Amino acid sequence: MEELKDKEYEGKSVDAGSQADYNECMVLRTENLVKKYGKRTVVNDVSINVKQGEIVGLLGPNGAGKTTSFYMTTGLIVPNEGHIFLNDEDITSYPVYKRAQKGIGYLAQEASVFRKMSVEDNIASVLELTNKSPEYQKEKLESLIAEFRLQKVRKNLGDQLSGGERRRTEIARCLAIDPKFIMLDEPFAGVDPIAVEDIQHIVWKLKDKNIGILITDHNVQETLSITDRAYLLFEGRILFQGTPEELAENKIVREKYLSNSFVLRKKDFQIQPERD
């Protein structure tokens, strides 16, 4: 296949705004990531970035390298080549817990709630790791329970929650560390359509909190409908990068990934009321 970095395959610049915008906030970025398994290169020269206050999608068909790229960014996989930076700090070798200490939260695809702990204890268990005062922890707990509408299930055990309730609990727990970035792995998997919209609304609210969000998900419509920018991986490389509208309009992207029948439906949760 011809070189994917050819001009024909490139979208617009990585930057969503001016360079000044990036200088005013934290940026999580990868540079030239490479991952090999034996003689097979599954990720080849992948560079992405996410700044605070924006939602970025990482998309691609099965086997494209998107999950491997995502896991290298979160710290679950170590790259063979390339680097991951938080602003100018090289965090390539940092494990997930150390990245969390730096303000990078991670929400796994698999259920991560403690199944035999209540919702409030799930959140409190993370708050206890912050070394904040007991008063602060209590106030933060009540704030998160209210914000994520968990009052009715706060005493329920993790294994008693619906898919949407579980996701809200996991995101609330992730916010207990006051992250600057959150990595969302398949956030729309295993939840019903109403819960998908709730999660989209929550992600939009995280953006309003100036949290940078990187999403990888097989649900393309649900992801592109709320992202500011997206990267499309194909055969281990970045095939295209740009706004959702630019991806949806690109002929090569439609032929290789979206299909010619794809219709983008953007959402704006700023004008929508919260669900009771």
Protein backbone atom coordinates (compact mmCIF):
# COMPACT_ATOMS: atom_id res chain seq x y z
CA MET A 1 0.00 0.00 0.00
CA GLU A 2 1.28 3.47 -0.78
CA GLU A 3 2.73 5.62 1.98
CA LEU A 4 -0.11 6.80 4.21
CA LYS A 5 1.54 10.08 5.07
CA ASP A 6 1.28 11.20 1.47
CA LYS A 7 -0.56 14.50 1.09
CA GLU A 8 -3.57 12.68 -0.31
CA TYR A 9 -4.10 11.05 3.07
CA GLU A 10 -3.52 13.98 5.36
CA GLY A 11 -6.19 16.05 7.03
CA LYS A 12 -5.68 19.48 8.42
CA SER A 13 -3.03 20.43 10.91
CA VAL A 14 -3.05 18.63 14.26
CA ASP A 15 -3.71 21.92 16.01
CA ALA A 16 -7.35 22.70 16.70
CA GLY A 17 -6.48 26.31 17.40
CA SER A 18 -3.48 28.57 17.34
CA GLN A 19 -0.16 27.69 18.95
CA ALA A 20 -0.99 30.26 21.61
CA ASP A 21 -3.97 28.12 22.64
CA TYR A 22 -1.64 25.20 23.31
CA ASN A 23 0.75 27.35 25.31
CA GLU A 24 -2.05 28.28 27.73
CA CYS A 25 -3.00 24.75 28.77
CA MET A 26 -1.57 21.30 29.35
CA VAL A 27 -1.09 19.03 26.35
CA LEU A 28 -0.81 15.25 26.28
CA ARG A 29 1.00 14.18 23.14
CA THR A 30 2.69 11.20 21.56
CA GLU A 31 5.58 11.45 19.14
CA ASN A 32 6.39 8.82 16.51
CA LEU A 33 5.12 5.82 18.46
CA VAL A 34 6.14 2.40 17.14
CA LYS A 35 5.04 -0.97 18.48
CA LYS A 36 6.24 -4.31 17.16
CA TYR A 37 5.29 -7.86 18.04
CA GLY A 38 8.01 -10.06 16.65
CA LYS A 39 8.53 -9.07 13.04
CA ARG A 40 5.09 -7.49 12.79
CA THR A 41 4.79 -3.72 13.19
CA VAL A 42 1.30 -2.94 14.48
CA VAL A 43 1.83 0.79 15.11
CA ASN A 44 4.18 2.80 12.93
CA ASP A 45 5.06 6.46 13.53
CA VAL A 46 1.87 7.56 15.29
CA SER A 47 1.81 11.09 16.70
CA ILE A 48 -1.34 12.46 18.33
CA ASN A 49 -2.12 15.18 20.83
CA VAL A 50 -4.91 16.21 23.17
CA LYS A 51 -5.13 19.53 24.93
CA GLN A 52 -7.19 20.37 27.99
CA GLY A 53 -10.80 21.19 27.21
CA GLU A 54 -11.14 19.23 23.97
CA ILE A 55 -12.54 15.84 23.01
CA VAL A 56 -10.42 13.82 20.60
CA GLY A 57 -11.38 10.54 18.97
CA LEU A 58 -9.00 7.71 18.06
CA LEU A 59 -10.70 5.56 15.44
CA GLY A 60 -9.94 2.77 13.02
CA PRO A 61 -11.04 -0.67 11.84
CA ASN A 62 -10.05 -3.84 13.66
CA GLY A 63 -6.32 -4.42 13.36
CA ALA A 64 -5.57 -0.78 12.52
CA GLY A 65 -3.47 -0.22 15.65
CA LYS A 66 -5.83 2.17 17.41
CA THR A 67 -6.17 0.09 20.58
CA THR A 68 -2.40 -0.42 20.80
CA SER A 69 -1.84 3.31 20.27
CA PHE A 70 -4.43 4.08 22.94
CA TYR A 71 -2.86 1.66 25.42
CA MET A 72 0.59 3.15 24.83
CA THR A 73 -0.88 6.58 25.58
CA THR A 74 -2.48 5.35 28.81
CA GLY A 75 0.63 3.47 29.95
CA LEU A 76 -0.70 -0.08 29.59
CA ILE A 77 1.76 -0.88 26.78
CA VAL A 78 5.35 0.35 26.40
CA PRO A 79 6.32 1.49 22.88
CA ASN A 80 9.39 0.12 21.10
CA GLU A 81 10.10 3.58 19.75
CA GLY A 82 8.73 7.07 20.27
CA HIS A 83 7.73 9.08 23.30
CA ILE A 84 4.71 10.28 25.27
CA PHE A 85 4.83 13.76 26.79
CA LEU A 86 2.72 15.68 29.29
CA ASN A 87 3.67 19.17 28.25
CA ASP A 88 7.48 18.87 28.20
CA GLU A 89 7.74 15.99 30.69
CA ASP A 90 8.57 12.64 29.12
CA ILE A 91 6.19 10.12 30.71
CA THR A 92 6.85 7.25 28.29
CA SER A 93 8.07 4.91 31.03
CA TYR A 94 5.43 5.89 33.60
CA PRO A 95 2.94 3.14 34.54
CA VAL A 96 -0.78 3.89 34.75
CA TYR A 97 -0.74 4.73 38.47
CA LYS A 98 2.07 7.25 38.06
CA ARG A 99 0.29 8.88 35.14
CA ALA A 100 -2.79 9.12 37.37
CA GLN A 101 -0.67 11.02 39.90
CA LYS A 102 0.23 13.40 37.07
CA GLY A 103 -3.45 14.00 36.31
CA ILE A 104 -4.18 11.41 33.61
CA GLY A 105 -7.23 9.30 34.42
CA TYR A 106 -8.10 6.07 32.65
CA LEU A 107 -11.51 4.44 32.27
CA ALA A 108 -11.22 0.84 31.09
CA GLN A 109 -13.63 -0.84 28.71
CA GLU A 110 -14.21 -3.68 31.15
CA ALA A 111 -16.23 -3.08 34.29
CA SER A 112 -13.85 -1.60 36.85
CA VAL A 113 -16.22 -0.95 39.75
CA PHE A 114 -15.54 -2.94 42.88
CA ARG A 115 -18.44 -5.36 42.60
CA LYS A 116 -18.89 -5.99 46.33
CA MET A 117 -18.59 -2.35 47.37
CA SER A 118 -21.36 0.23 47.31
CA VAL A 119 -21.34 3.10 44.84
CA GLU A 120 -20.35 5.61 47.50
CA ASP A 121 -17.59 3.33 48.81
CA ASN A 122 -16.27 2.87 45.27
CA ILE A 123 -15.81 6.63 45.01
CA ALA A 124 -14.63 7.08 48.61
CA SER A 125 -11.92 4.44 48.16
CA VAL A 126 -10.24 6.63 45.53
CA LEU A 127 -10.74 9.83 47.50
CA GLU A 128 -8.86 8.24 50.40
CA LEU A 129 -5.77 8.05 48.18
CA THR A 130 -5.71 11.83 47.62
CA ASN A 131 -4.38 12.70 51.09
CA LYS A 132 -7.05 15.39 51.34
CA SER A 133 -8.74 16.16 54.64
CA PRO A 134 -11.71 14.01 55.72
CA GLU A 135 -13.94 17.06 55.38
CA TYR A 136 -12.81 17.62 51.79
CA GLN A 137 -13.29 13.94 50.95
CA LYS A 138 -16.84 13.97 52.31
CA GLU A 139 -17.76 17.14 50.41
CA LYS A 140 -16.21 15.81 47.21
CA LEU A 141 -18.05 12.50 47.58
CA GLU A 142 -21.41 14.22 47.95
CA SER A 143 -20.62 16.53 45.04
CA LEU A 144 -19.76 13.63 42.71
CA ILE A 145 -22.80 11.59 43.74
CA ALA A 146 -25.05 14.57 43.00
CA GLU A 147 -23.30 15.52 39.76
CA PHE A 148 -23.59 12.02 38.32
CA ARG A 149 -27.14 11.45 39.63
CA LEU A 150 -26.17 8.49 41.78
CA GLN A 151 -28.26 9.39 44.83
CA LYS A 152 -30.76 6.57 44.30
CA VAL A 153 -28.09 3.90 43.92
CA ARG A 154 -25.41 5.18 46.28
CA LYS A 155 -25.92 2.21 48.64
CA ASN A 156 -26.15 -0.37 45.85
CA LEU A 157 -23.29 -2.77 45.29
CA GLY A 158 -21.30 -2.56 42.09
CA ASP A 159 -22.72 -5.83 40.75
CA GLN A 160 -26.27 -4.48 41.13
CA LEU A 161 -25.81 -1.55 38.73
CA SER A 162 -27.08 -1.17 35.19
CA GLY A 163 -24.57 -0.47 32.43
CA GLY A 164 -25.27 3.27 32.54
CA GLU A 165 -25.11 3.46 36.34
CA ARG A 166 -21.84 1.56 36.30
CA ARG A 167 -20.33 3.91 33.73
CA ARG A 168 -21.44 6.98 35.71
CA THR A 169 -19.93 5.50 38.87
CA GLU A 170 -16.65 4.77 37.08
CA ILE A 171 -16.43 8.29 35.66
CA ALA A 172 -17.28 9.81 39.06
CA ARG A 173 -14.55 7.70 40.65
CA CYS A 174 -12.12 8.81 37.97
CA LEU A 175 -12.90 12.46 38.77
CA ALA A 176 -12.03 11.90 42.43
CA ILE A 177 -8.36 12.54 41.55
CA ASP A 178 -9.20 15.83 39.77
CA PRO A 179 -7.62 14.73 36.46
CA LYS A 180 -6.48 17.05 33.70
CA PHE A 181 -7.06 14.31 31.12
CA ILE A 182 -9.27 11.22 30.93
CA MET A 183 -8.67 8.30 28.59
CA LEU A 184 -11.98 6.62 27.71
CA ASP A 185 -11.74 3.07 26.37
CA GLU A 186 -14.98 2.02 24.61
CA PRO A 187 -17.21 4.15 26.89
CA PHE A 188 -20.34 3.33 24.85
CA ALA A 189 -19.87 -0.45 24.92
CA GLY A 190 -22.45 -2.52 26.76
CA VAL A 191 -24.92 0.29 27.49
CA ASP A 192 -28.39 0.98 26.07
CA PRO A 193 -29.17 3.95 23.75
CA ILE A 194 -30.48 6.15 26.57
CA ALA A 195 -27.34 5.49 28.62
CA VAL A 196 -25.20 6.29 25.56
CA GLU A 197 -26.74 9.76 25.39
CA ASP A 198 -26.23 10.21 29.13
CA ILE A 199 -22.55 9.30 28.78
CA GLN A 200 -22.17 11.66 25.81
CA HIS A 201 -23.64 14.43 27.95
CA ILE A 202 -21.23 13.60 30.77
CA VAL A 203 -18.26 13.68 28.38
CA TRP A 204 -19.39 17.10 27.17
CA LYS A 205 -19.53 18.29 30.78
CA LEU A 206 -15.99 17.01 31.34
CA LYS A 207 -14.90 19.17 28.41
CA ASP A 208 -16.58 22.15 30.10
CA LYS A 209 -14.47 21.39 33.19
CA ASN A 210 -11.40 21.91 30.98
CA ILE A 211 -10.56 18.21 31.01
CA GLY A 212 -8.93 16.80 27.89
CA ILE A 213 -10.55 13.58 26.69
CA LEU A 214 -9.23 10.88 24.38
CA ILE A 215 -11.89 8.39 23.26
CA THR A 216 -11.44 5.16 21.38
CA ASP A 217 -14.65 3.33 20.51
CA HIS A 218 -16.06 1.12 17.76
CA ASN A 219 -19.28 3.15 17.83
CA VAL A 220 -18.21 5.67 15.21
CA GLN A 221 -21.39 7.76 15.07
CA GLU A 222 -21.60 8.12 18.86
CA THR A 223 -17.93 9.11 19.04
CA LEU A 224 -17.75 11.54 16.12
CA SER A 225 -20.98 13.23 17.20
CA ILE A 226 -19.25 14.72 20.26
CA THR A 227 -15.57 15.01 19.32
CA ASP A 228 -13.75 18.19 18.35
CA ARG A 229 -11.14 16.30 16.34
CA ALA A 230 -10.37 12.71 15.48
CA TYR A 231 -7.52 10.57 14.21
CA LEU A 232 -8.21 7.65 11.91
CA LEU A 233 -5.68 4.83 11.96
CA PHE A 234 -5.31 2.37 9.11
CA GLU A 235 -2.71 -0.38 8.85
CA GLY A 236 -0.79 1.01 11.82
CA ARG A 237 -0.50 4.59 10.58
CA ILE A 238 -2.56 7.75 10.77
CA LEU A 239 -4.64 7.78 7.62
CA PHE A 240 -6.41 11.07 8.33
CA GLN A 241 -6.81 13.65 11.07
CA GLY A 242 -9.26 16.51 11.31
CA THR A 243 -12.69 17.55 12.49
CA PRO A 244 -15.56 15.07 12.34
CA GLU A 245 -16.97 17.01 9.42
CA GLU A 246 -13.68 16.72 7.54
CA LEU A 247 -13.50 12.98 8.17
CA ALA A 248 -17.10 12.47 7.07
CA GLU A 249 -16.52 14.40 3.84
CA ASN A 250 -13.20 12.79 2.89
CA LYS A 251 -13.53 10.36 -0.02
CA ILE A 252 -10.73 8.03 1.07
CA VAL A 253 -11.99 7.89 4.67
CA ARG A 254 -15.46 6.98 3.43
CA GLU A 255 -14.11 4.30 1.10
CA LYS A 256 -11.81 2.68 3.65
CA TYR A 257 -13.73 3.11 6.90
CA LEU A 258 -16.99 5.05 7.18
CA SER A 259 -18.76 3.80 4.02
CA ASN A 260 -20.36 6.06 1.45
CA SER A 261 -23.72 5.92 3.24
CA PHE A 262 -22.35 7.40 6.49
CA VAL A 263 -24.15 10.55 7.69
CA LEU A 264 -22.59 12.53 10.54
CA ARG A 265 -25.01 13.69 13.23
CA LYS A 266 -23.30 16.19 15.51
CA LYS A 267 -24.69 16.93 18.97
CA ASP A 268 -24.54 20.04 21.10
CA PHE A 269 -25.30 19.22 24.71
CA GLN A 270 -24.84 22.83 25.80
CA ILE A 271 -28.45 23.51 24.89
CA GLN A 272 -29.92 20.25 26.18
CA PRO A 273 -31.28 19.81 29.71
CA GLU A 274 -29.96 17.05 31.93
CA ARG A 275 -31.97 13.84 32.19
CA ASP A 276 -33.64 13.30 35.53
